[in-house]
Amino acid sequence: MATDGPTPPPCDQEIFQKGQPVAALDASSNAAENWVQAVAKKARARVDWHYSGGIAQVLHLGDDESRARVEVAMDELEPTLKGTVMRRYRSGESGLYRQGVTQTPPGAVASFMDPFTGEATYMVKPDQK
């Protein structure tokens, strides 16, 4: 549930499962959604995001040329983000809470570490369980 307007759509399932991290944002859900969609449009690339531990994880799915366009678009659009780019990831670098994730259940829209067990826990859309 968003606290700054309507709840954005869930992260694209294929991007969530196979995407590579490009950035971590400190931004509200609608600010992250609007900025990431602007980056995707400008770069003509598959880019989406999800929260992990309260941090918006920005993911890219595509080839090196597409990723380069995403990085240029992020540079150009960073001043428009209503929030902060906390970190930019180099190609091949694992993102926060993503290293070691080899499979996610169908319908997963977010993952986090269970503070009691230390295990990865997934939030799954109700119609996908």
N, C-alpha and C. Protein backbone atom coordinates (compact mmCIF):
# COMPACT_ATOMS: atom_id res chain seq x y z
N MET A 1 0.84 -1.18 0.00
CA MET A 1 0.00 0.00 0.00
C MET A 1 0.89 1.24 0.00
N ALA A 2 0.62 2.14 -0.89
CA ALA A 2 1.38 3.37 -0.99
C ALA A 2 0.89 4.37 0.05
N THR A 3 1.79 5.22 0.49
CA THR A 3 1.41 6.26 1.44
C THR A 3 1.42 7.64 0.77
N ASP A 4 1.77 7.68 -0.51
CA ASP A 4 1.88 8.96 -1.19
C ASP A 4 0.99 9.03 -2.42
N GLY A 5 -0.09 8.29 -2.43
CA GLY A 5 -1.00 8.30 -3.57
C GLY A 5 -1.43 6.89 -3.89
N PRO A 6 -1.94 6.67 -5.09
CA PRO A 6 -2.41 5.34 -5.44
C PRO A 6 -1.26 4.32 -5.42
N THR A 7 -1.58 3.09 -5.08
CA THR A 7 -0.56 2.03 -5.04
C THR A 7 -0.11 1.72 -6.45
N PRO A 8 1.20 1.80 -6.71
CA PRO A 8 1.71 1.48 -8.05
C PRO A 8 1.54 0.00 -8.36
N PRO A 9 1.57 -0.36 -9.64
CA PRO A 9 1.48 -1.78 -9.99
C PRO A 9 2.70 -2.54 -9.47
N PRO A 10 2.56 -3.85 -9.26
CA PRO A 10 3.70 -4.64 -8.80
C PRO A 10 4.81 -4.65 -9.85
N CYS A 11 6.00 -4.97 -9.40
CA CYS A 11 7.15 -5.09 -10.30
C CYS A 11 6.86 -6.16 -11.35
N ASP A 12 7.23 -5.88 -12.59
CA ASP A 12 7.10 -6.87 -13.66
C ASP A 12 7.77 -8.17 -13.21
N GLN A 13 7.05 -9.28 -13.28
CA GLN A 13 7.52 -10.56 -12.75
C GLN A 13 8.84 -11.00 -13.38
N GLU A 14 8.97 -10.87 -14.69
CA GLU A 14 10.20 -11.29 -15.35
C GLU A 14 11.38 -10.41 -14.95
N ILE A 15 11.14 -9.12 -14.84
CA ILE A 15 12.21 -8.21 -14.40
C ILE A 15 12.58 -8.51 -12.95
N PHE A 16 11.58 -8.77 -12.10
CA PHE A 16 11.86 -9.09 -10.69
C PHE A 16 12.73 -10.34 -10.59
N GLN A 17 12.43 -11.36 -11.39
CA GLN A 17 13.15 -12.62 -11.29
C GLN A 17 14.50 -12.60 -12.00
N LYS A 18 14.58 -11.94 -13.16
CA LYS A 18 15.79 -12.04 -13.98
C LYS A 18 16.57 -10.74 -14.12
N GLY A 19 15.98 -9.63 -13.66
CA GLY A 19 16.62 -8.34 -13.84
C GLY A 19 17.87 -8.18 -13.00
N GLN A 20 18.73 -7.30 -13.45
CA GLN A 20 19.97 -6.98 -12.75
C GLN A 20 19.86 -5.60 -12.12
N PRO A 21 20.37 -5.43 -10.90
CA PRO A 21 20.24 -4.14 -10.21
C PRO A 21 21.04 -3.04 -10.90
N VAL A 22 20.44 -1.86 -10.97
CA VAL A 22 21.13 -0.69 -11.50
C VAL A 22 21.21 0.43 -10.47
N ALA A 23 20.27 0.44 -9.51
CA ALA A 23 20.28 1.52 -8.51
C ALA A 23 19.44 1.13 -7.30
N ALA A 24 19.71 1.81 -6.19
CA ALA A 24 18.91 1.72 -4.98
C ALA A 24 18.46 3.14 -4.65
N LEU A 25 17.16 3.30 -4.40
CA LEU A 25 16.59 4.62 -4.17
C LEU A 25 15.98 4.74 -2.78
N ASP A 26 16.09 5.91 -2.21
CA ASP A 26 15.30 6.28 -1.04
C ASP A 26 14.20 7.18 -1.59
N ALA A 27 13.02 6.57 -1.84
CA ALA A 27 11.92 7.32 -2.45
C ALA A 27 10.60 6.66 -2.07
N SER A 28 9.57 7.47 -2.00
CA SER A 28 8.23 6.92 -1.76
C SER A 28 7.82 6.11 -2.99
N SER A 29 6.79 5.30 -2.83
CA SER A 29 6.42 4.38 -3.91
C SER A 29 6.03 5.08 -5.21
N ASN A 30 5.25 6.13 -5.13
CA ASN A 30 4.86 6.81 -6.36
C ASN A 30 6.00 7.61 -6.96
N ALA A 31 6.86 8.16 -6.13
CA ALA A 31 8.04 8.85 -6.65
C ALA A 31 8.96 7.87 -7.37
N ALA A 32 9.17 6.70 -6.77
CA ALA A 32 9.99 5.67 -7.41
C ALA A 32 9.35 5.22 -8.72
N GLU A 33 8.04 4.93 -8.68
CA GLU A 33 7.34 4.47 -9.89
C GLU A 33 7.43 5.47 -11.02
N ASN A 34 7.14 6.72 -10.73
CA ASN A 34 7.17 7.75 -11.78
C ASN A 34 8.56 7.92 -12.36
N TRP A 35 9.57 7.94 -11.51
CA TRP A 35 10.94 8.14 -11.98
C TRP A 35 11.43 6.94 -12.78
N VAL A 36 11.20 5.74 -12.26
CA VAL A 36 11.67 4.53 -12.96
C VAL A 36 10.98 4.39 -14.31
N GLN A 37 9.69 4.69 -14.38
CA GLN A 37 9.00 4.61 -15.67
C GLN A 37 9.52 5.67 -16.64
N ALA A 38 9.89 6.85 -16.14
CA ALA A 38 10.49 7.88 -16.99
C ALA A 38 11.85 7.41 -17.51
N VAL A 39 12.64 6.77 -16.65
CA VAL A 39 13.94 6.22 -17.07
C VAL A 39 13.73 5.16 -18.15
N ALA A 40 12.79 4.26 -17.91
CA ALA A 40 12.52 3.19 -18.88
C ALA A 40 12.12 3.76 -20.24
N LYS A 41 11.25 4.76 -20.21
CA LYS A 41 10.79 5.36 -21.46
C LYS A 41 11.92 6.07 -22.20
N LYS A 42 12.68 6.87 -21.46
CA LYS A 42 13.78 7.61 -22.08
C LYS A 42 14.84 6.67 -22.65
N ALA A 43 15.11 5.59 -21.93
CA ALA A 43 16.15 4.64 -22.34
C ALA A 43 15.63 3.61 -23.34
N ARG A 44 14.30 3.56 -23.54
CA ARG A 44 13.70 2.53 -24.38
C ARG A 44 14.19 1.15 -23.91
N ALA A 45 13.97 0.90 -22.60
CA ALA A 45 14.51 -0.32 -21.98
C ALA A 45 13.52 -0.87 -20.97
N ARG A 46 13.74 -2.12 -20.62
CA ARG A 46 12.90 -2.78 -19.59
C ARG A 46 13.51 -2.50 -18.22
N VAL A 47 12.84 -1.65 -17.47
CA VAL A 47 13.29 -1.24 -16.15
C VAL A 47 12.07 -1.25 -15.23
N ASP A 48 12.24 -1.76 -14.02
CA ASP A 48 11.17 -1.71 -13.03
C ASP A 48 11.82 -1.70 -11.66
N TRP A 49 11.01 -1.73 -10.63
CA TRP A 49 11.56 -1.60 -9.27
C TRP A 49 10.67 -2.36 -8.30
N HIS A 50 11.22 -2.60 -7.12
CA HIS A 50 10.48 -3.18 -6.01
C HIS A 50 11.16 -2.74 -4.72
N TYR A 51 10.43 -2.80 -3.62
CA TYR A 51 11.03 -2.50 -2.32
C TYR A 51 11.68 -3.74 -1.74
N SER A 52 12.82 -3.55 -1.12
CA SER A 52 13.50 -4.56 -0.30
C SER A 52 13.98 -3.84 0.94
N GLY A 53 13.45 -4.22 2.08
CA GLY A 53 13.89 -3.58 3.32
C GLY A 53 13.68 -2.08 3.33
N GLY A 54 12.63 -1.61 2.65
CA GLY A 54 12.33 -0.18 2.62
C GLY A 54 13.12 0.61 1.60
N ILE A 55 13.96 -0.07 0.82
CA ILE A 55 14.76 0.57 -0.22
C ILE A 55 14.18 0.18 -1.58
N ALA A 56 14.00 1.15 -2.47
CA ALA A 56 13.51 0.85 -3.81
C ALA A 56 14.67 0.32 -4.64
N GLN A 57 14.56 -0.93 -5.06
CA GLN A 57 15.58 -1.58 -5.88
C GLN A 57 15.19 -1.42 -7.34
N VAL A 58 16.02 -0.78 -8.13
CA VAL A 58 15.75 -0.56 -9.55
C VAL A 58 16.49 -1.64 -10.33
N LEU A 59 15.73 -2.35 -11.18
CA LEU A 59 16.28 -3.47 -11.94
C LEU A 59 16.14 -3.23 -13.44
N HIS A 60 17.09 -3.76 -14.19
CA HIS A 60 17.09 -3.68 -15.65
C HIS A 60 17.16 -5.09 -16.22
N LEU A 61 16.43 -5.32 -17.28
CA LEU A 61 16.49 -6.59 -18.00
C LEU A 61 16.76 -6.28 -19.46
N GLY A 62 17.94 -6.69 -19.90
CA GLY A 62 18.31 -6.43 -21.29
C GLY A 62 19.80 -6.59 -21.50
N ASP A 63 20.26 -6.20 -22.68
CA ASP A 63 21.67 -6.35 -23.04
C ASP A 63 22.50 -5.15 -22.56
N ASP A 64 23.80 -5.20 -22.84
CA ASP A 64 24.71 -4.14 -22.38
C ASP A 64 24.37 -2.78 -22.99
N GLU A 65 23.95 -2.77 -24.26
CA GLU A 65 23.59 -1.49 -24.90
C GLU A 65 22.37 -0.87 -24.22
N SER A 66 21.41 -1.71 -23.91
CA SER A 66 20.22 -1.24 -23.22
C SER A 66 20.57 -0.70 -21.84
N ARG A 67 21.43 -1.42 -21.14
CA ARG A 67 21.85 -0.96 -19.81
C ARG A 67 22.57 0.38 -19.90
N ALA A 68 23.40 0.56 -20.91
CA ALA A 68 24.11 1.84 -21.08
C ALA A 68 23.11 2.98 -21.27
N ARG A 69 22.05 2.73 -22.03
CA ARG A 69 21.01 3.75 -22.21
C ARG A 69 20.32 4.06 -20.89
N VAL A 70 20.09 3.02 -20.08
CA VAL A 70 19.46 3.22 -18.76
C VAL A 70 20.35 4.09 -17.88
N GLU A 71 21.65 3.83 -17.88
CA GLU A 71 22.57 4.61 -17.05
C GLU A 71 22.60 6.07 -17.48
N VAL A 72 22.57 6.33 -18.78
CA VAL A 72 22.53 7.72 -19.28
C VAL A 72 21.21 8.37 -18.87
N ALA A 73 20.11 7.65 -19.02
CA ALA A 73 18.80 8.21 -18.64
C ALA A 73 18.75 8.51 -17.15
N MET A 74 19.32 7.63 -16.32
CA MET A 74 19.33 7.89 -14.88
C MET A 74 20.14 9.15 -14.58
N ASP A 75 21.28 9.32 -15.24
CA ASP A 75 22.08 10.54 -15.05
C ASP A 75 21.26 11.78 -15.38
N GLU A 76 20.59 11.74 -16.53
CA GLU A 76 19.85 12.91 -16.99
C GLU A 76 18.61 13.19 -16.14
N LEU A 77 17.97 12.13 -15.64
CA LEU A 77 16.72 12.31 -14.89
C LEU A 77 16.89 12.36 -13.37
N GLU A 78 18.10 12.12 -12.87
CA GLU A 78 18.29 12.12 -11.41
C GLU A 78 17.77 13.40 -10.75
N PRO A 79 17.97 14.58 -11.33
CA PRO A 79 17.46 15.80 -10.67
C PRO A 79 15.93 15.83 -10.53
N THR A 80 15.23 15.01 -11.29
CA THR A 80 13.76 15.01 -11.23
C THR A 80 13.21 14.03 -10.20
N LEU A 81 14.07 13.18 -9.64
CA LEU A 81 13.63 12.19 -8.65
C LEU A 81 13.24 12.88 -7.35
N LYS A 82 12.04 12.61 -6.88
CA LYS A 82 11.61 13.11 -5.57
C LYS A 82 12.08 12.10 -4.54
N GLY A 83 13.37 12.12 -4.30
CA GLY A 83 14.02 11.18 -3.40
C GLY A 83 15.52 11.24 -3.67
N THR A 84 16.20 10.15 -3.32
CA THR A 84 17.66 10.12 -3.44
C THR A 84 18.11 8.82 -4.08
N VAL A 85 19.04 8.92 -5.03
CA VAL A 85 19.70 7.71 -5.52
C VAL A 85 20.77 7.39 -4.48
N MET A 86 20.54 6.31 -3.75
CA MET A 86 21.45 5.94 -2.67
C MET A 86 22.71 5.25 -3.20
N ARG A 87 22.52 4.49 -4.28
CA ARG A 87 23.65 3.73 -4.82
C ARG A 87 23.35 3.38 -6.27
N ARG A 88 24.41 3.40 -7.08
CA ARG A 88 24.35 2.90 -8.46
C ARG A 88 25.18 1.63 -8.49
N TYR A 89 24.69 0.61 -9.17
CA TYR A 89 25.38 -0.67 -9.26
C TYR A 89 26.06 -0.83 -10.62
N ARG A 90 27.27 -1.34 -10.60
CA ARG A 90 27.98 -1.67 -11.84
C ARG A 90 27.38 -2.95 -12.42
N SER A 91 27.54 -3.15 -13.70
CA SER A 91 27.06 -4.36 -14.35
C SER A 91 27.66 -5.59 -13.67
N GLY A 92 26.81 -6.55 -13.33
CA GLY A 92 27.27 -7.78 -12.68
C GLY A 92 27.32 -7.71 -11.17
N GLU A 93 27.17 -6.53 -10.62
CA GLU A 93 27.22 -6.37 -9.16
C GLU A 93 25.87 -6.76 -8.56
N SER A 94 25.91 -7.52 -7.47
CA SER A 94 24.67 -7.93 -6.81
C SER A 94 24.05 -6.76 -6.08
N GLY A 95 22.75 -6.67 -6.16
CA GLY A 95 22.04 -5.61 -5.45
C GLY A 95 21.73 -6.02 -4.03
N LEU A 96 21.26 -5.07 -3.27
CA LEU A 96 20.87 -5.29 -1.88
C LEU A 96 19.78 -6.34 -1.81
N TYR A 97 19.98 -7.34 -0.97
CA TYR A 97 19.02 -8.42 -0.74
C TYR A 97 18.80 -9.31 -1.96
N ARG A 98 19.62 -9.24 -2.98
CA ARG A 98 19.40 -10.04 -4.18
C ARG A 98 20.47 -11.11 -4.36
N GLN A 99 21.63 -10.97 -3.79
CA GLN A 99 22.69 -11.96 -3.97
C GLN A 99 22.23 -13.30 -3.42
N GLY A 100 22.44 -14.34 -4.19
CA GLY A 100 22.08 -15.67 -3.76
C GLY A 100 20.65 -16.06 -4.05
N VAL A 101 19.85 -15.13 -4.57
CA VAL A 101 18.48 -15.47 -4.93
C VAL A 101 18.54 -16.23 -6.25
N THR A 102 18.17 -17.50 -6.21
CA THR A 102 18.22 -18.30 -7.43
C THR A 102 16.83 -18.57 -7.98
N GLN A 103 15.84 -18.63 -7.14
CA GLN A 103 14.47 -18.83 -7.60
C GLN A 103 13.53 -18.02 -6.73
N THR A 104 12.48 -17.56 -7.36
CA THR A 104 11.42 -16.90 -6.60
C THR A 104 10.11 -17.59 -6.97
N PRO A 105 9.17 -17.65 -6.05
CA PRO A 105 7.90 -18.31 -6.36
C PRO A 105 7.10 -17.50 -7.38
N PRO A 106 6.24 -18.17 -8.14
CA PRO A 106 5.37 -17.44 -9.08
C PRO A 106 4.56 -16.39 -8.34
N GLY A 107 4.44 -15.22 -8.95
CA GLY A 107 3.64 -14.16 -8.36
C GLY A 107 4.36 -13.34 -7.29
N ALA A 108 5.64 -13.61 -7.04
CA ALA A 108 6.38 -12.85 -6.03
C ALA A 108 6.49 -11.39 -6.46
N VAL A 109 6.18 -10.48 -5.54
CA VAL A 109 6.26 -9.05 -5.84
C VAL A 109 7.28 -8.34 -4.96
N ALA A 110 7.75 -9.00 -3.92
CA ALA A 110 8.76 -8.42 -3.04
C ALA A 110 9.42 -9.53 -2.24
N SER A 111 10.63 -9.28 -1.80
CA SER A 111 11.31 -10.24 -0.93
C SER A 111 11.96 -9.48 0.21
N PHE A 112 12.13 -10.16 1.33
CA PHE A 112 12.81 -9.56 2.48
C PHE A 112 13.37 -10.68 3.33
N MET A 113 14.29 -10.32 4.21
CA MET A 113 14.86 -11.30 5.12
C MET A 113 14.03 -11.34 6.39
N ASP A 114 13.58 -12.54 6.74
CA ASP A 114 12.82 -12.72 7.97
C ASP A 114 13.76 -12.45 9.14
N PRO A 115 13.46 -11.48 10.00
CA PRO A 115 14.38 -11.12 11.09
C PRO A 115 14.55 -12.22 12.14
N PHE A 116 13.63 -13.17 12.18
CA PHE A 116 13.71 -14.24 13.17
C PHE A 116 14.46 -15.46 12.66
N THR A 117 14.27 -15.78 11.38
CA THR A 117 14.90 -16.99 10.84
C THR A 117 16.11 -16.70 9.97
N GLY A 118 16.21 -15.46 9.45
CA GLY A 118 17.29 -15.12 8.53
C GLY A 118 17.06 -15.64 7.13
N GLU A 119 15.89 -16.25 6.88
CA GLU A 119 15.56 -16.81 5.57
C GLU A 119 14.90 -15.75 4.69
N ALA A 120 15.07 -15.93 3.38
CA ALA A 120 14.38 -15.07 2.44
C ALA A 120 12.89 -15.38 2.50
N THR A 121 12.07 -14.34 2.55
CA THR A 121 10.63 -14.48 2.58
C THR A 121 10.08 -13.69 1.40
N TYR A 122 9.05 -14.20 0.78
CA TYR A 122 8.50 -13.56 -0.40
C TYR A 122 7.06 -13.14 -0.16
N MET A 123 6.72 -11.98 -0.68
CA MET A 123 5.33 -11.54 -0.71
C MET A 123 4.80 -11.95 -2.08
N VAL A 124 3.71 -12.73 -2.08
CA VAL A 124 3.14 -13.26 -3.31
C VAL A 124 1.74 -12.71 -3.50
N LYS A 125 1.43 -12.32 -4.73
CA LYS A 125 0.09 -11.85 -5.04
C LYS A 125 -0.89 -12.96 -4.65
N PRO A 126 -2.01 -12.62 -4.00
CA PRO A 126 -2.95 -13.64 -3.51
C PRO A 126 -3.41 -14.60 -4.60
N ASP A 127 -3.62 -14.12 -5.82
CA ASP A 127 -4.13 -14.99 -6.89
C ASP A 127 -3.05 -15.90 -7.47
N GLN A 128 -1.80 -15.81 -6.96
CA GLN A 128 -0.70 -16.60 -7.48
C GLN A 128 -0.25 -17.70 -6.51
N LYS A 129 -0.85 -17.80 -5.34
CA LYS A 129 -0.41 -18.79 -4.35
C LYS A 129 -0.78 -20.19 -4.77
